[in-house]
Amino acid sequence: MDYQPLAIPDVVLLTPKVFGDERGFFMETFRHDEFIKHCGNYSFVQDNHSSSGKGILRGLHYQHKQPQGKLVRVTKGEVFDVAVDMRKNSPTFGKWVGEYLSETNKRLMWVPPGFAHGFVVTSDVAEFQYKCTDYYAPGDEYSLLWNDPTVNIVWPVDEHSLKLSAKDAEGRNFADCPFFS
């Protein structure tokens, strides 16, 4: 596995070594000792899987009292995946990074606790899977508005074609969000 810190160095892009032939392929998607060395000493307690159609934007979500780190990947289709630094004392506070994750490139992205996270589906359908470092806590979930002008994420889709949940469409402006110290 190749571990590449992104423009926000705590967010890491993981590219697995894929071994393939006429029968298909094999790849290692997670190895705890290597993950600790490159991303930090985290344990995962919950795995999630979602399926979404083209133009669906999910996020930007985070939990404040029970922050979740997420190791995300796509097993079908393609998404543009985004992490926003919500840590007030960080040199990259309020900045974002985004990467394409797909069944073709097989990359994973580590989004540590303290970040808002979301993605938009750029293929007809996408299967999105992720490991979490803490349990989902419905009363602790916040949504940063996907098109907040302060953060200014450049989504690679026509915003008029986006489909959002009511919760995501009514997300908070960056200035109104609870931050991490």
Protein backbone atom coordinates (compact mmCIF):
# COMPACT_ATOMS: atom_id res chain seq x y z
CA MET A 1 0.00 0.00 0.00
CA ASP A 2 1.26 3.46 -0.86
CA TYR A 3 0.36 6.18 1.69
CA GLN A 4 0.37 9.74 0.33
CA PRO A 5 -0.40 12.71 2.62
CA LEU A 6 -2.52 15.28 0.77
CA ALA A 7 -2.43 19.11 0.86
CA ILE A 8 -3.85 18.75 4.38
CA PRO A 9 -1.20 16.27 5.58
CA ASP A 10 -3.43 14.51 8.15
CA VAL A 11 -5.69 13.39 5.28
CA VAL A 12 -3.99 10.48 3.54
CA LEU A 13 -4.62 8.86 0.15
CA LEU A 14 -3.99 5.11 0.16
CA THR A 15 -3.26 3.31 -3.09
CA PRO A 16 -3.20 -0.49 -2.80
CA LYS A 17 -0.97 -2.81 -4.79
CA VAL A 18 -3.31 -4.74 -7.06
CA PHE A 19 -2.37 -8.19 -8.36
CA GLY A 20 -4.44 -9.28 -11.31
CA ASP A 21 -4.64 -11.77 -14.13
CA GLU A 22 -7.34 -13.29 -16.36
CA ARG A 23 -9.15 -14.60 -13.23
CA GLY A 24 -9.57 -11.17 -11.65
CA PHE A 25 -7.57 -9.35 -8.99
CA PHE A 26 -6.44 -9.45 -5.38
CA MET A 27 -5.52 -6.52 -3.13
CA GLU A 28 -5.05 -5.83 0.54
CA THR A 29 -7.43 -3.05 1.64
CA PHE A 30 -6.35 -2.67 5.25
CA ARG A 31 -3.37 -3.65 7.38
CA HIS A 32 -3.45 -2.33 10.94
CA ASP A 33 0.32 -2.11 11.60
CA GLU A 34 0.96 -0.14 8.38
CA PHE A 35 -2.07 2.07 8.95
CA ILE A 36 -0.77 2.99 12.44
CA LYS A 37 2.65 3.83 11.00
CA HIS A 38 1.27 6.14 8.27
CA CYS A 39 -2.04 7.47 9.65
CA GLY A 40 -2.02 7.12 13.43
CA ASN A 41 -2.99 4.71 16.17
CA TYR A 42 -6.71 4.34 15.56
CA SER A 43 -9.05 1.38 15.96
CA PHE A 44 -12.19 0.89 13.93
CA VAL A 45 -15.50 0.00 15.59
CA GLN A 46 -18.08 0.26 12.79
CA ASP A 47 -18.24 -0.42 9.03
CA ASN A 48 -20.83 1.28 6.78
CA HIS A 49 -21.93 0.83 3.17
CA SER A 50 -24.10 3.13 1.05
CA SER A 51 -25.37 3.04 -2.52
CA SER A 52 -26.14 6.27 -4.36
CA GLY A 53 -27.04 7.41 -7.87
CA LYS A 54 -25.39 10.01 -10.07
CA GLY A 55 -25.44 13.55 -8.71
CA ILE A 56 -26.24 12.55 -5.13
CA LEU A 57 -24.20 14.57 -2.68
CA ARG A 58 -23.89 13.19 0.85
CA GLY A 59 -22.38 15.48 3.49
CA LEU A 60 -20.58 17.32 4.73
CA HIS A 61 -21.03 15.40 8.00
CA TYR A 62 -19.19 15.21 11.29
CA GLN A 63 -19.79 14.38 14.94
CA HIS A 64 -18.53 16.83 17.54
CA LYS A 65 -18.59 15.02 20.92
CA GLN A 66 -17.88 11.61 19.40
CA PRO A 67 -15.70 12.50 16.40
CA GLN A 68 -15.23 9.78 13.83
CA GLY A 69 -12.19 9.07 11.74
CA LYS A 70 -13.20 7.42 8.46
CA LEU A 71 -11.30 5.16 6.09
CA VAL A 72 -13.36 5.41 2.91
CA ARG A 73 -13.38 3.61 -0.44
CA VAL A 74 -15.58 2.98 -3.46
CA THR A 75 -16.24 -0.59 -4.66
CA LYS A 76 -18.54 0.30 -7.56
CA GLY A 77 -18.59 3.48 -9.63
CA GLU A 78 -16.85 6.75 -8.78
CA VAL A 79 -17.18 9.62 -6.31
CA PHE A 80 -15.41 12.88 -5.61
CA ASP A 81 -14.62 12.63 -1.90
CA VAL A 82 -14.02 15.72 0.27
CA ALA A 83 -12.63 16.41 3.75
CA VAL A 84 -12.85 19.83 5.46
CA ASP A 85 -10.62 20.66 8.44
CA MET A 86 -12.85 21.72 11.37
CA ARG A 87 -9.98 21.90 13.92
CA LYS A 88 -9.72 25.53 15.05
CA ASN A 89 -6.05 25.25 16.14
CA SER A 90 -4.94 23.57 12.92
CA PRO A 91 -2.84 25.44 10.31
CA THR A 92 -5.28 24.11 7.69
CA PHE A 93 -8.47 25.12 9.58
CA GLY A 94 -11.31 25.74 7.12
CA LYS A 95 -9.38 24.26 4.16
CA TRP A 96 -10.58 21.30 2.11
CA VAL A 97 -9.09 18.50 0.03
CA GLY A 98 -10.83 16.30 -2.52
CA GLU A 99 -9.94 13.17 -4.44
CA TYR A 100 -11.65 10.86 -6.91
CA LEU A 101 -12.19 7.39 -5.49
CA SER A 102 -13.42 4.65 -7.80
CA GLU A 103 -13.69 0.94 -8.43
CA THR A 104 -11.05 1.46 -11.13
CA ASN A 105 -8.36 3.32 -9.15
CA LYS A 106 -9.19 1.34 -5.97
CA ARG A 107 -7.84 4.15 -3.77
CA LEU A 108 -8.90 4.76 -0.18
CA MET A 109 -8.85 8.01 1.77
CA TRP A 110 -8.20 8.43 5.49
CA VAL A 111 -10.25 11.27 6.98
CA PRO A 112 -9.19 11.70 10.63
CA PRO A 113 -11.44 12.83 13.49
CA GLY A 114 -11.97 16.60 13.42
CA PHE A 115 -12.99 16.80 9.76
CA ALA A 116 -16.32 17.23 8.01
CA HIS A 117 -16.68 14.64 5.25
CA GLY A 118 -18.81 14.24 2.15
CA PHE A 119 -18.87 13.04 -1.42
CA VAL A 120 -20.71 13.46 -4.69
CA VAL A 121 -21.37 10.56 -7.09
CA THR A 122 -19.87 11.17 -10.55
CA SER A 123 -20.82 7.79 -12.09
CA ASP A 124 -24.30 6.35 -12.71
CA VAL A 125 -24.19 4.50 -9.37
CA ALA A 126 -21.61 4.26 -6.59
CA GLU A 127 -21.15 1.80 -3.74
CA PHE A 128 -19.34 3.62 -0.92
CA GLN A 129 -17.85 1.75 2.05
CA TYR A 130 -16.09 3.08 5.12
CA LYS A 131 -14.68 2.13 8.49
CA CYS A 132 -15.29 4.43 11.50
CA THR A 133 -13.25 5.00 14.66
CA ASP A 134 -16.36 5.74 16.76
CA TYR A 135 -20.01 4.76 16.66
CA TYR A 136 -22.68 6.78 14.88
CA ALA A 137 -24.34 9.13 17.39
CA PRO A 138 -27.50 10.63 15.83
CA GLY A 139 -27.81 13.44 18.39
CA ASP A 140 -24.21 14.52 17.76
CA GLU A 141 -24.23 14.81 13.97
CA TYR A 142 -23.67 18.14 12.20
CA SER A 143 -23.78 19.09 8.55
CA LEU A 144 -21.55 21.77 7.07
CA LEU A 145 -23.36 23.33 4.12
CA TRP A 146 -22.00 21.72 0.95
CA ASN A 147 -21.68 25.08 -0.88
CA ASP A 148 -20.56 27.27 2.01
CA PRO A 149 -18.80 30.32 0.45
CA THR A 150 -16.11 30.48 3.15
CA VAL A 151 -14.89 26.93 2.50
CA ASN A 152 -15.59 27.26 -1.25
CA ILE A 153 -15.38 23.61 -2.33
CA VAL A 154 -15.09 23.17 -6.08
CA TRP A 155 -17.42 20.23 -6.74
CA PRO A 156 -16.84 18.66 -10.19
CA VAL A 157 -20.54 18.60 -11.11
CA ASP A 158 -23.25 21.01 -12.21
CA GLU A 159 -24.81 22.19 -8.95
CA HIS A 160 -28.27 22.26 -10.60
CA SER A 161 -28.10 18.48 -11.10
CA LEU A 162 -27.29 17.70 -7.45
CA LYS A 163 -29.63 15.69 -5.26
CA LEU A 164 -29.38 16.33 -1.50
CA SER A 165 -31.25 15.18 1.57
CA ALA A 166 -33.18 17.87 3.41
CA LYS A 167 -30.62 17.69 6.23
CA ASP A 168 -27.71 18.29 3.85
CA ALA A 169 -29.51 21.05 1.92
CA GLU A 170 -30.05 22.86 5.24
CA GLY A 171 -26.49 22.42 6.54
CA ARG A 172 -24.84 25.12 8.62
CA ASN A 173 -22.61 27.84 7.27
CA PHE A 174 -18.99 27.34 8.29
CA ALA A 175 -19.07 30.30 10.73
CA ASP A 176 -22.06 28.73 12.55
CA CYS A 177 -20.54 25.27 12.98
CA PRO A 178 -19.13 23.89 16.21
CA PHE A 179 -15.37 23.47 15.78
CA PHE A 180 -12.77 21.25 17.38
CA SER A 181 -10.05 22.87 19.52
